[in-house]
Amino acid sequence: MVLYTAVNLTAVLWLGGLALTALTGWNVIAAMMGLAAFAVIYSLYGGLKAVALTDIIQVVVLVAGGFAITGIVLSLVGNGAGIFAGLGTLMSEIPGHFEMILAPKIRVIIICLAFGRYWADYGCCISPIGVSTNISSSAR
């Protein structure tokens, strides 16, 4: 654990130092020391709550950015016709890329396990040959 922390902190400080050097022209070591000092001061005065809230904000921004980039790229692949047009283009031109991770039967089972609670509520069950839906009157 100590080795992991040392390597992780070193990598974060080094990459942050490189970014600051590119933006400001400072020495990399000075930028690393500045980042480390800022992190210590931020943690001491803001506490772990501030660090946790910052992490939450970062996750939201990263996930939103990932969805935005995915949407933009799929729209561009679809020649501006939208996300689903781009996805359709990809599926028609390179269908093997969508089947290379898992076989279709295993994929169906994993989807059923992932959404099992939803499907259990609405009467979906896994049969030996795949998925069958059996929506009965007792379904909510």
Protein backbone atom coordinates (compact mmCIF):
# COMPACT_ATOMS: atom_id res chain seq x y z
CA MET A 1 0.00 0.00 0.00
CA VAL A 2 2.86 2.39 0.79
CA LEU A 3 4.50 1.65 -2.56
CA TYR A 4 1.22 2.19 -4.42
CA THR A 5 0.66 5.52 -2.67
CA ALA A 6 4.22 6.67 -3.34
CA VAL A 7 4.04 5.75 -7.03
CA ASN A 8 0.56 7.23 -7.45
CA LEU A 9 1.43 10.52 -5.75
CA THR A 10 4.65 10.81 -7.69
CA ALA A 11 2.87 10.23 -11.00
CA VAL A 12 0.11 12.73 -10.17
CA LEU A 13 2.59 15.38 -9.08
CA TRP A 14 4.85 14.78 -12.10
CA LEU A 15 2.00 14.99 -14.63
CA GLY A 16 0.52 18.02 -12.89
CA GLY A 17 3.96 19.62 -12.87
CA LEU A 18 4.31 18.97 -16.61
CA ALA A 19 0.92 20.58 -17.25
CA LEU A 20 1.84 23.63 -15.18
CA THR A 21 5.19 23.86 -16.93
CA ALA A 22 3.48 23.82 -20.32
CA LEU A 23 1.04 26.53 -19.23
CA THR A 24 3.35 28.81 -17.25
CA GLY A 25 6.92 27.94 -18.21
CA TRP A 26 7.86 27.20 -14.58
CA ASN A 27 10.45 24.61 -13.66
CA VAL A 28 8.88 21.13 -13.33
CA ILE A 29 10.25 20.60 -9.81
CA ALA A 30 8.94 24.01 -8.67
CA ALA A 31 5.54 23.24 -10.18
CA MET A 32 5.46 19.84 -8.42
CA MET A 33 6.35 21.46 -5.11
CA GLY A 34 3.66 24.10 -5.64
CA LEU A 35 1.05 21.44 -6.39
CA ALA A 36 2.05 19.43 -3.33
CA ALA A 37 1.87 22.54 -1.12
CA PHE A 38 -1.54 23.44 -2.53
CA ALA A 39 -2.84 19.91 -1.91
CA VAL A 40 -1.60 19.93 1.69
CA ILE A 41 -3.08 23.37 2.42
CA TYR A 42 -6.38 22.44 0.73
CA SER A 43 -6.63 19.21 2.71
CA LEU A 44 -5.68 20.82 6.02
CA TYR A 45 -8.00 23.81 5.81
CA GLY A 46 -10.85 22.18 3.89
CA GLY A 47 -10.63 18.79 5.52
CA LEU A 48 -11.55 15.47 4.02
CA LYS A 49 -15.07 16.73 3.33
CA ALA A 50 -13.67 19.27 0.85
CA VAL A 51 -11.55 16.58 -0.78
CA ALA A 52 -14.56 14.24 -1.06
CA LEU A 53 -16.77 16.97 -2.51
CA THR A 54 -14.08 17.84 -5.04
CA ASP A 55 -13.89 14.17 -6.04
CA ILE A 56 -17.66 14.08 -6.53
CA ILE A 57 -17.53 17.15 -8.76
CA GLN A 58 -14.67 15.63 -10.77
CA VAL A 59 -16.58 12.39 -11.32
CA VAL A 60 -19.67 14.26 -12.51
CA VAL A 61 -17.61 16.39 -14.91
CA LEU A 62 -15.68 13.37 -16.24
CA VAL A 63 -18.80 11.27 -16.82
CA ALA A 64 -20.64 14.19 -18.45
CA GLY A 65 -17.61 14.82 -20.66
CA GLY A 66 -17.44 11.17 -21.62
CA PHE A 67 -21.10 11.15 -22.63
CA ALA A 68 -20.70 14.44 -24.50
CA ILE A 69 -17.68 13.24 -26.48
CA THR A 70 -19.42 9.94 -27.26
CA GLY A 71 -22.47 11.81 -28.53
CA ILE A 72 -20.41 14.25 -30.60
CA VAL A 73 -18.33 11.49 -32.19
CA LEU A 74 -21.35 9.28 -32.95
CA SER A 75 -23.13 12.27 -34.48
CA LEU A 76 -20.09 13.00 -36.65
CA VAL A 77 -19.86 9.36 -37.71
CA GLY A 78 -23.53 9.56 -38.71
CA ASN A 79 -22.80 12.65 -40.88
CA GLY A 80 -24.74 14.95 -38.57
CA ALA A 81 -27.88 12.81 -38.58
CA GLY A 82 -27.65 12.13 -34.86
CA ILE A 83 -26.26 9.71 -32.32
CA PHE A 84 -28.38 6.73 -33.36
CA ALA A 85 -27.50 7.22 -37.03
CA GLY A 86 -23.82 7.14 -36.09
CA LEU A 87 -24.33 4.02 -34.01
CA GLY A 88 -26.19 2.44 -36.93
CA THR A 89 -23.32 3.32 -39.25
CA LEU A 90 -20.82 1.73 -36.89
CA MET A 91 -22.92 -1.40 -36.46
CA SER A 92 -23.36 -1.82 -40.21
CA GLU A 93 -19.74 -1.11 -41.17
CA ILE A 94 -17.89 -2.88 -38.36
CA PRO A 95 -20.31 -5.35 -36.78
CA GLY A 96 -17.51 -7.58 -35.50
CA HIS A 97 -16.44 -4.93 -33.01
CA PHE A 98 -19.75 -5.28 -31.20
CA GLU A 99 -19.44 -9.05 -30.82
CA MET A 100 -15.78 -9.47 -29.95
CA ILE A 101 -16.05 -9.39 -26.16
CA LEU A 102 -18.70 -11.97 -25.34
CA ALA A 103 -20.71 -14.52 -27.22
CA PRO A 104 -24.34 -13.45 -27.72
CA LYS A 105 -25.79 -16.00 -25.24
CA ILE A 106 -23.35 -14.95 -22.51
CA ARG A 107 -24.09 -11.29 -23.24
CA VAL A 108 -27.82 -11.94 -22.76
CA ILE A 109 -27.19 -13.66 -19.43
CA ILE A 110 -25.00 -10.79 -18.21
CA ILE A 111 -27.65 -8.26 -19.24
CA CYS A 112 -30.25 -10.27 -17.36
CA LEU A 113 -28.05 -10.35 -14.28
CA ALA A 114 -27.33 -6.63 -14.52
CA PHE A 115 -30.97 -5.68 -14.88
CA GLY A 116 -32.34 -8.62 -12.93
CA ARG A 117 -34.29 -6.56 -10.42
CA TYR A 118 -36.10 -4.61 -13.13
CA TRP A 119 -36.84 -7.69 -15.16
CA ALA A 120 -37.87 -9.69 -12.10
CA ASP A 121 -40.45 -7.02 -11.34
CA TYR A 122 -41.84 -7.17 -14.87
CA GLY A 123 -41.80 -10.92 -15.37
CA CYS A 124 -38.65 -11.52 -17.41
CA CYS A 125 -36.86 -14.77 -16.74
CA ILE A 126 -33.75 -16.51 -18.03
CA SER A 127 -34.46 -19.73 -19.83
CA PRO A 128 -31.84 -22.25 -21.00
CA ILE A 129 -32.06 -20.88 -24.55
CA GLY A 130 -31.88 -17.17 -23.71
CA VAL A 131 -34.34 -14.61 -22.40
CA SER A 132 -38.06 -14.94 -22.49
CA THR A 133 -40.53 -12.39 -21.30
CA ASN A 134 -43.55 -13.58 -19.46
CA ILE A 135 -45.46 -10.52 -18.34
CA SER A 136 -48.28 -11.72 -16.18
CA SER A 137 -51.07 -9.91 -14.43
CA SER A 138 -49.01 -9.89 -11.22
CA ALA A 139 -46.35 -7.70 -12.80
CA ARG A 140 -46.13 -4.21 -11.37
